[in-house]
Protein backbone atom coordinates (compact mmCIF):
# COMPACT_ATOMS: atom_id res chain seq x y z
CA UNK A 1 62.31 92.70 203.67
CA UNK A 2 63.85 93.46 206.49
CA UNK A 3 64.47 97.37 207.62
CA UNK A 4 67.86 98.25 209.56
CA UNK A 5 68.47 101.59 211.17
CA UNK A 6 72.10 102.38 211.38
CA UNK A 7 73.87 105.47 212.07
CA UNK A 8 76.99 106.38 209.67
CA UNK A 9 79.59 108.34 210.50
CA UNK A 10 83.37 109.91 209.46
CA UNK A 11 85.34 112.05 211.78
CA UNK A 12 88.77 114.65 210.96
CA UNK A 13 87.06 114.91 207.24
CA UNK A 14 89.67 117.38 205.26
CA UNK A 15 90.00 118.76 201.85
CA UNK A 16 89.31 115.91 199.45
CA UNK A 17 85.91 114.06 199.23
CA UNK A 18 85.22 111.20 201.40
CA UNK A 19 82.86 108.62 201.19
CA UNK A 20 80.88 108.34 204.44
CA UNK A 21 78.06 105.76 203.55
CA UNK A 22 78.21 103.80 200.61
CA UNK A 23 74.78 101.76 200.10
CA UNK A 24 76.10 97.72 200.28
CA UNK A 25 75.14 95.33 197.98
CA UNK A 26 71.40 93.90 197.76
CA UNK A 27 69.86 96.80 199.60
CA UNK A 28 68.01 100.00 199.21
CA UNK A 29 69.05 102.75 201.39
CA UNK A 30 66.76 105.64 203.14
CA UNK A 31 68.87 108.87 204.08
CA UNK A 32 66.94 110.02 207.21
CA UNK A 33 69.29 112.97 208.26
CA UNK A 34 72.77 114.19 208.35
CA UNK A 35 74.89 116.70 210.34
CA UNK A 36 77.92 118.58 209.44
CA UNK A 37 80.06 119.41 212.68
CA UNK A 38 83.07 122.06 212.42
CA UNK A 39 85.68 120.71 214.93
CA UNK A 40 87.81 123.93 214.49
CA UNK A 41 88.31 127.92 215.98
CA UNK A 42 87.62 129.22 212.28
CA UNK A 43 85.13 129.33 209.92
CA UNK A 44 84.88 126.14 207.11
CA UNK A 45 83.39 125.68 203.85
CA UNK A 46 81.50 122.19 203.20
CA UNK A 47 80.63 120.50 200.41
CA UNK A 48 78.12 117.01 199.94
CA UNK A 49 77.84 115.21 197.16
CA UNK A 50 75.90 112.46 195.72
CA UNK A 51 77.74 109.48 193.91
CA UNK A 52 75.48 107.07 191.95
CA UNK A 53 76.87 103.16 191.02
CA UNK A 54 77.29 104.81 187.63
CA UNK A 55 79.85 107.39 188.91
CA UNK A 56 77.46 110.67 188.22
CA UNK A 57 78.00 113.32 190.70
CA UNK A 58 75.46 115.25 191.91
CA UNK A 59 76.02 118.49 194.46
CA UNK A 60 73.76 118.10 197.38
CA UNK A 61 75.63 121.32 199.33
CA UNK A 62 78.08 123.26 197.50
CA UNK A 63 80.35 125.97 199.26
CA UNK A 64 78.31 126.15 203.00
CA UNK A 65 80.13 128.29 205.48
CA UNK A 66 79.86 126.50 208.89
CA UNK A 67 81.11 128.93 211.95
CA UNK A 68 83.64 127.56 214.37
CA UNK A 69 81.98 125.10 216.80
CA UNK A 70 78.66 124.72 214.90
CA UNK A 71 76.62 121.92 213.66
CA UNK A 72 74.72 122.19 210.52
CA UNK A 73 71.82 119.88 209.94
CA UNK A 74 71.64 118.79 206.52
CA UNK A 75 68.70 117.14 204.71
CA UNK A 76 66.89 118.14 207.58
CA UNK A 77 63.05 116.84 206.70
CA UNK A 78 63.65 115.11 203.60
CA UNK A 79 64.72 111.76 202.82
CA UNK A 80 67.02 110.51 199.62
CA UNK A 81 67.14 107.01 198.73
CA UNK A 82 70.55 105.25 197.76
CA UNK A 83 70.50 102.61 195.71
CA UNK A 84 72.99 99.37 195.51
CA UNK A 85 76.56 101.46 195.59
CA UNK A 86 75.76 104.74 195.68
CA UNK A 87 77.61 106.55 198.08
CA UNK A 88 77.31 110.19 200.00
CA UNK A 89 80.55 112.50 199.91
CA UNK A 90 81.73 115.36 201.71
CA UNK A 91 84.98 116.99 201.98
CA UNK A 92 85.75 120.76 203.55
CA UNK A 93 88.01 123.41 202.72
CA UNK A 94 90.21 122.91 205.71
CA UNK A 95 92.10 119.86 206.78
CA UNK A 96 91.05 117.90 209.46
CA UNK A 97 88.11 120.09 210.29
CA UNK A 98 84.80 118.08 209.72
CA UNK A 99 82.71 115.52 211.32
CA UNK A 100 79.82 114.07 210.04
CA UNK A 101 77.07 111.33 211.51
CA UNK A 102 73.70 110.63 209.34
CA UNK A 103 71.18 108.40 210.17
CA UNK A 104 70.17 105.77 207.47
CA UNK A 105 67.57 102.92 207.07
CA UNK A 106 68.90 99.95 205.03
CA UNK A 107 66.36 98.15 203.35
CA UNK A 108 67.33 94.19 202.34
């Protein structure tokens, strides 16, 4: 089994859920960390959710305020496991306002 460390990111996330990372087929992924950065001059509200391969959705972060120009560390110190085709989705209450960076380890 090979372990590969990667970054996943998405810029300018807005009001619809955006998939930031989807576990590839034949791969188990460990989420090592995630940061949400407000790129606007006003406070935004962010949501993060987990969607499994069967399309079940579980909220990980709901309606959290992120002040202007600030970054929120999500999942700090915790590890989450994604199985094949599970994904992490993020949205904001403001158009093109949120940048996301995730650190992951893929196990193949």
